[in-house]
Amino acid sequence: MADITNPQAVKFANEHARTKADLYAQAYYALKAFADVWDAQNIGAIIPSTADAIIDGSVQDGRAQITGAMVNGLVTNAKALVADLEANSKLKLTGLLKISVNPQR
């Protein structure tokens, strides 16, 4: 098999593929830590998956108000992404980290 030396391909790999792999790997590590804190501190017991708003000052400072269900949904999605990358002996994570140059654990 011949190596890929086309300048456009090399530029795409360096400027797009590697930088997006960095972002994806960084998201993996951030979401894994997020889910770990959720579990370790049993946050699900104090943020139920309901339509009740979390009173965090958002109304006063202009941020969108969030609900317990929204936060629970985010945790569920975070855990799904982590599980997908870690499935099959971390096959996808290993491939991702081979492309990534700056995963920032």
N, C-alpha and C. Protein backbone atom coordinates (compact mmCIF):
# COMPACT_ATOMS: atom_id res chain seq x y z
N MET A 1 0.84 -1.17 0.00
CA MET A 1 0.00 0.00 0.00
C MET A 1 0.89 1.24 0.00
N ALA A 2 0.55 2.21 -0.81
CA ALA A 2 1.34 3.43 -0.93
C ALA A 2 0.98 4.42 0.17
N ASP A 3 1.98 5.17 0.62
CA ASP A 3 1.73 6.23 1.60
C ASP A 3 0.95 7.36 0.94
N ILE A 4 0.23 8.10 1.73
CA ILE A 4 -0.55 9.24 1.23
C ILE A 4 0.30 10.49 1.40
N THR A 5 0.68 11.09 0.29
CA THR A 5 1.54 12.28 0.31
C THR A 5 0.90 13.49 -0.33
N ASN A 6 -0.31 13.34 -0.83
CA ASN A 6 -1.01 14.45 -1.46
C ASN A 6 -1.07 15.63 -0.49
N PRO A 7 -0.59 16.80 -0.88
CA PRO A 7 -0.56 17.96 0.03
C PRO A 7 -1.92 18.33 0.62
N GLN A 8 -2.97 18.19 -0.17
CA GLN A 8 -4.31 18.50 0.34
C GLN A 8 -4.71 17.50 1.42
N ALA A 9 -4.38 16.24 1.22
CA ALA A 9 -4.69 15.20 2.22
C ALA A 9 -3.89 15.43 3.50
N VAL A 10 -2.61 15.76 3.34
CA VAL A 10 -1.76 16.01 4.51
C VAL A 10 -2.27 17.22 5.29
N LYS A 11 -2.63 18.27 4.57
CA LYS A 11 -3.16 19.48 5.22
C LYS A 11 -4.45 19.15 5.96
N PHE A 12 -5.34 18.39 5.34
CA PHE A 12 -6.60 18.02 5.98
C PHE A 12 -6.33 17.20 7.25
N ALA A 13 -5.43 16.24 7.16
CA ALA A 13 -5.11 15.39 8.31
C ALA A 13 -4.59 16.22 9.47
N ASN A 14 -3.69 17.14 9.18
CA ASN A 14 -3.08 17.96 10.24
C ASN A 14 -4.01 19.04 10.78
N GLU A 15 -4.74 19.70 9.90
CA GLU A 15 -5.55 20.85 10.32
C GLU A 15 -6.96 20.48 10.75
N HIS A 16 -7.45 19.35 10.30
CA HIS A 16 -8.83 18.99 10.62
C HIS A 16 -8.92 17.69 11.42
N ALA A 17 -8.39 16.61 10.89
CA ALA A 17 -8.53 15.31 11.56
C ALA A 17 -7.87 15.31 12.93
N ARG A 18 -6.63 15.76 13.02
CA ARG A 18 -5.94 15.74 14.31
C ARG A 18 -6.55 16.72 15.32
N THR A 19 -6.93 17.89 14.86
CA THR A 19 -7.50 18.87 15.80
C THR A 19 -8.87 18.42 16.30
N LYS A 20 -9.66 17.78 15.45
CA LYS A 20 -10.96 17.28 15.89
C LYS A 20 -10.78 16.08 16.81
N ALA A 21 -9.79 15.26 16.56
CA ALA A 21 -9.49 14.14 17.46
C ALA A 21 -9.09 14.68 18.83
N ASP A 22 -8.33 15.77 18.85
CA ASP A 22 -7.98 16.41 20.13
C ASP A 22 -9.24 16.82 20.89
N LEU A 23 -10.14 17.50 20.20
CA LEU A 23 -11.38 17.97 20.84
C LEU A 23 -12.22 16.79 21.34
N TYR A 24 -12.30 15.75 20.54
CA TYR A 24 -13.09 14.57 20.91
C TYR A 24 -12.48 13.87 22.12
N ALA A 25 -11.16 13.72 22.13
CA ALA A 25 -10.49 13.10 23.27
C ALA A 25 -10.64 13.96 24.52
N GLN A 26 -10.53 15.27 24.36
CA GLN A 26 -10.72 16.17 25.50
C GLN A 26 -12.14 16.07 26.04
N ALA A 27 -13.10 15.96 25.15
CA ALA A 27 -14.50 15.79 25.57
C ALA A 27 -14.66 14.47 26.32
N TYR A 28 -14.03 13.42 25.83
CA TYR A 28 -14.10 12.12 26.51
C TYR A 28 -13.61 12.25 27.95
N TYR A 29 -12.43 12.82 28.13
CA TYR A 29 -11.86 12.92 29.48
C TYR A 29 -12.72 13.82 30.38
N ALA A 30 -13.23 14.92 29.83
CA ALA A 30 -14.07 15.82 30.62
C ALA A 30 -15.39 15.15 31.01
N LEU A 31 -16.02 14.45 30.07
CA LEU A 31 -17.30 13.80 30.35
C LEU A 31 -17.13 12.61 31.28
N LYS A 32 -16.01 11.91 31.17
CA LYS A 32 -15.73 10.80 32.09
C LYS A 32 -15.60 11.34 33.51
N ALA A 33 -14.87 12.44 33.68
CA ALA A 33 -14.71 13.05 35.00
C ALA A 33 -16.05 13.56 35.53
N PHE A 34 -16.85 14.15 34.66
CA PHE A 34 -18.18 14.65 35.01
C PHE A 34 -19.05 13.51 35.54
N ALA A 35 -19.08 12.40 34.82
CA ALA A 35 -19.88 11.24 35.24
C ALA A 35 -19.33 10.62 36.52
N ASP A 36 -18.01 10.61 36.66
CA ASP A 36 -17.40 10.06 37.88
C ASP A 36 -17.80 10.87 39.11
N VAL A 37 -17.81 12.20 39.00
CA VAL A 37 -18.23 13.05 40.12
C VAL A 37 -19.71 12.81 40.43
N TRP A 38 -20.52 12.73 39.40
CA TRP A 38 -21.95 12.46 39.56
C TRP A 38 -22.16 11.19 40.38
N ASP A 39 -21.44 10.14 40.02
CA ASP A 39 -21.57 8.86 40.71
C ASP A 39 -20.97 8.89 42.11
N ALA A 40 -19.76 9.41 42.23
CA ALA A 40 -19.04 9.40 43.51
C ALA A 40 -19.77 10.21 44.58
N GLN A 41 -20.39 11.31 44.16
CA GLN A 41 -21.08 12.17 45.11
C GLN A 41 -22.59 11.89 45.18
N ASN A 42 -23.03 10.87 44.47
CA ASN A 42 -24.44 10.48 44.44
C ASN A 42 -25.35 11.67 44.14
N ILE A 43 -24.96 12.45 43.14
CA ILE A 43 -25.70 13.67 42.80
C ILE A 43 -27.10 13.35 42.30
N GLY A 44 -27.29 12.16 41.71
CA GLY A 44 -28.62 11.77 41.25
C GLY A 44 -29.65 11.78 42.36
N ALA A 45 -29.21 11.61 43.60
CA ALA A 45 -30.14 11.63 44.73
C ALA A 45 -30.62 13.04 45.06
N ILE A 46 -29.86 14.04 44.64
CA ILE A 46 -30.26 15.42 44.96
C ILE A 46 -30.70 16.22 43.73
N ILE A 47 -30.47 15.67 42.55
CA ILE A 47 -30.99 16.28 41.31
C ILE A 47 -31.85 15.22 40.63
N PRO A 48 -33.12 15.16 40.98
CA PRO A 48 -34.00 14.16 40.35
C PRO A 48 -34.28 14.53 38.90
N SER A 49 -34.64 13.53 38.13
CA SER A 49 -34.96 13.75 36.72
C SER A 49 -36.41 14.22 36.59
N THR A 50 -36.60 15.48 36.95
CA THR A 50 -37.93 16.09 36.91
C THR A 50 -37.87 17.40 36.16
N ALA A 51 -39.02 17.98 35.94
CA ALA A 51 -39.11 19.28 35.27
C ALA A 51 -38.86 20.44 36.23
N ASP A 52 -38.52 20.13 37.48
CA ASP A 52 -38.24 21.18 38.46
C ASP A 52 -36.97 21.93 38.06
N ALA A 53 -37.05 23.26 38.13
CA ALA A 53 -35.91 24.10 37.77
C ALA A 53 -34.84 24.05 38.85
N ILE A 54 -33.59 24.16 38.42
CA ILE A 54 -32.48 24.31 39.35
C ILE A 54 -32.27 25.81 39.52
N ILE A 55 -32.44 26.30 40.73
CA ILE A 55 -32.34 27.74 40.99
C ILE A 55 -30.86 28.07 41.20
N ASP A 56 -30.22 28.47 40.11
CA ASP A 56 -28.78 28.70 40.12
C ASP A 56 -28.40 30.14 39.77
N GLY A 57 -29.36 31.04 39.82
CA GLY A 57 -29.09 32.43 39.49
C GLY A 57 -29.21 32.75 38.02
N SER A 58 -29.59 31.75 37.23
CA SER A 58 -29.65 31.96 35.78
C SER A 58 -30.69 33.01 35.38
N VAL A 59 -31.79 33.06 36.09
CA VAL A 59 -32.83 34.04 35.76
C VAL A 59 -32.28 35.46 35.91
N GLN A 60 -31.48 35.67 36.93
CA GLN A 60 -30.94 37.00 37.19
C GLN A 60 -29.84 37.39 36.21
N ASP A 61 -29.05 36.43 35.75
CA ASP A 61 -27.91 36.81 34.90
C ASP A 61 -28.11 36.51 33.42
N GLY A 62 -29.30 36.05 33.04
CA GLY A 62 -29.61 35.90 31.63
C GLY A 62 -29.32 34.55 31.00
N ARG A 63 -28.80 33.60 31.79
CA ARG A 63 -28.59 32.27 31.24
C ARG A 63 -29.92 31.54 31.17
N ALA A 64 -30.02 30.57 30.31
CA ALA A 64 -31.23 29.75 30.23
C ALA A 64 -31.35 28.92 31.51
N GLN A 65 -32.57 28.83 32.00
CA GLN A 65 -32.81 28.02 33.19
C GLN A 65 -32.78 26.54 32.81
N ILE A 66 -32.26 25.70 33.72
CA ILE A 66 -32.19 24.27 33.44
C ILE A 66 -32.98 23.51 34.49
N THR A 67 -33.36 22.29 34.12
CA THR A 67 -34.15 21.44 35.01
C THR A 67 -33.33 20.22 35.44
N GLY A 68 -33.83 19.55 36.44
CA GLY A 68 -33.21 18.30 36.86
C GLY A 68 -33.18 17.29 35.73
N ALA A 69 -34.24 17.24 34.94
CA ALA A 69 -34.30 16.30 33.82
C ALA A 69 -33.22 16.62 32.78
N MET A 70 -32.97 17.89 32.56
CA MET A 70 -31.93 18.28 31.60
C MET A 70 -30.55 17.80 32.06
N VAL A 71 -30.27 18.00 33.33
CA VAL A 71 -28.97 17.59 33.87
C VAL A 71 -28.85 16.07 33.85
N ASN A 72 -29.90 15.36 34.22
CA ASN A 72 -29.89 13.90 34.17
C ASN A 72 -29.68 13.42 32.73
N GLY A 73 -30.32 14.09 31.78
CA GLY A 73 -30.14 13.73 30.38
C GLY A 73 -28.70 13.93 29.92
N LEU A 74 -28.09 15.01 30.37
CA LEU A 74 -26.69 15.26 30.04
C LEU A 74 -25.78 14.17 30.61
N VAL A 75 -26.04 13.78 31.84
CA VAL A 75 -25.24 12.71 32.46
C VAL A 75 -25.42 11.41 31.68
N THR A 76 -26.65 11.11 31.32
CA THR A 76 -26.92 9.89 30.54
C THR A 76 -26.16 9.91 29.22
N ASN A 77 -26.19 11.04 28.53
CA ASN A 77 -25.49 11.17 27.25
C ASN A 77 -23.97 11.09 27.44
N ALA A 78 -23.47 11.70 28.51
CA ALA A 78 -22.04 11.65 28.79
C ALA A 78 -21.60 10.20 29.02
N LYS A 79 -22.37 9.49 29.82
CA LYS A 79 -22.03 8.09 30.10
C LYS A 79 -22.12 7.23 28.84
N ALA A 80 -23.04 7.55 27.94
CA ALA A 80 -23.17 6.80 26.69
C ALA A 80 -21.96 7.02 25.80
N LEU A 81 -21.49 8.25 25.72
CA LEU A 81 -20.31 8.54 24.90
C LEU A 81 -19.08 7.81 25.48
N VAL A 82 -18.91 7.89 26.79
CA VAL A 82 -17.78 7.21 27.45
C VAL A 82 -17.87 5.70 27.21
N ALA A 83 -19.04 5.14 27.41
CA ALA A 83 -19.21 3.69 27.23
C ALA A 83 -18.92 3.28 25.79
N ASP A 84 -19.35 4.08 24.83
CA ASP A 84 -19.10 3.77 23.42
C ASP A 84 -17.60 3.74 23.14
N LEU A 85 -16.87 4.73 23.64
CA LEU A 85 -15.43 4.77 23.39
C LEU A 85 -14.67 3.67 24.13
N GLU A 86 -15.22 3.22 25.26
CA GLU A 86 -14.55 2.20 26.07
C GLU A 86 -14.97 0.77 25.73
N ALA A 87 -15.98 0.62 24.88
CA ALA A 87 -16.46 -0.72 24.52
C ALA A 87 -15.37 -1.50 23.78
N ASN A 88 -15.50 -2.82 23.82
CA ASN A 88 -14.58 -3.71 23.10
C ASN A 88 -13.12 -3.41 23.42
N SER A 89 -12.82 -3.41 24.71
CA SER A 89 -11.45 -3.16 25.19
C SER A 89 -10.91 -1.80 24.75
N LYS A 90 -11.79 -0.81 24.76
CA LYS A 90 -11.44 0.58 24.42
C LYS A 90 -10.94 0.72 22.98
N LEU A 91 -11.51 -0.06 22.09
CA LEU A 91 -11.09 -0.07 20.70
C LEU A 91 -11.19 1.33 20.06
N LYS A 92 -12.35 1.97 20.21
CA LYS A 92 -12.53 3.29 19.59
C LYS A 92 -11.65 4.34 20.27
N LEU A 93 -11.53 4.28 21.59
CA LEU A 93 -10.69 5.24 22.31
C LEU A 93 -9.24 5.10 21.87
N THR A 94 -8.77 3.89 21.73
CA THR A 94 -7.39 3.66 21.29
C THR A 94 -7.16 4.27 19.90
N GLY A 95 -8.09 4.07 18.99
CA GLY A 95 -7.98 4.65 17.65
C GLY A 95 -7.99 6.17 17.69
N LEU A 96 -8.86 6.72 18.52
CA LEU A 96 -8.95 8.17 18.66
C LEU A 96 -7.64 8.75 19.19
N LEU A 97 -7.09 8.11 20.21
CA LEU A 97 -5.87 8.63 20.83
C LEU A 97 -4.65 8.50 19.92
N LYS A 98 -4.70 7.59 18.95
CA LYS A 98 -3.62 7.50 17.98
C LYS A 98 -3.60 8.71 17.05
N ILE A 99 -4.76 9.27 16.78
CA ILE A 99 -4.87 10.44 15.91
C ILE A 99 -4.62 11.73 16.68
N SER A 100 -5.10 11.77 17.90
CA SER A 100 -5.00 12.96 18.75
C SER A 100 -3.54 13.24 19.14
N VAL A 101 -3.18 14.51 19.15
CA VAL A 101 -1.84 14.91 19.59
C VAL A 101 -1.88 15.55 20.97
N ASN A 102 -3.02 16.12 21.33
CA ASN A 102 -3.13 16.87 22.57
C ASN A 102 -4.46 16.55 23.27
N PRO A 103 -4.60 15.31 23.78
CA PRO A 103 -5.87 14.91 24.39
C PRO A 103 -6.15 15.54 25.75
N GLN A 104 -5.15 16.10 26.41
CA GLN A 104 -5.31 16.77 27.73
C GLN A 104 -6.13 15.98 28.70
N ARG A 105 -5.55 15.00 29.30
CA ARG A 105 -6.24 14.18 30.31
C ARG A 105 -6.62 14.98 31.50
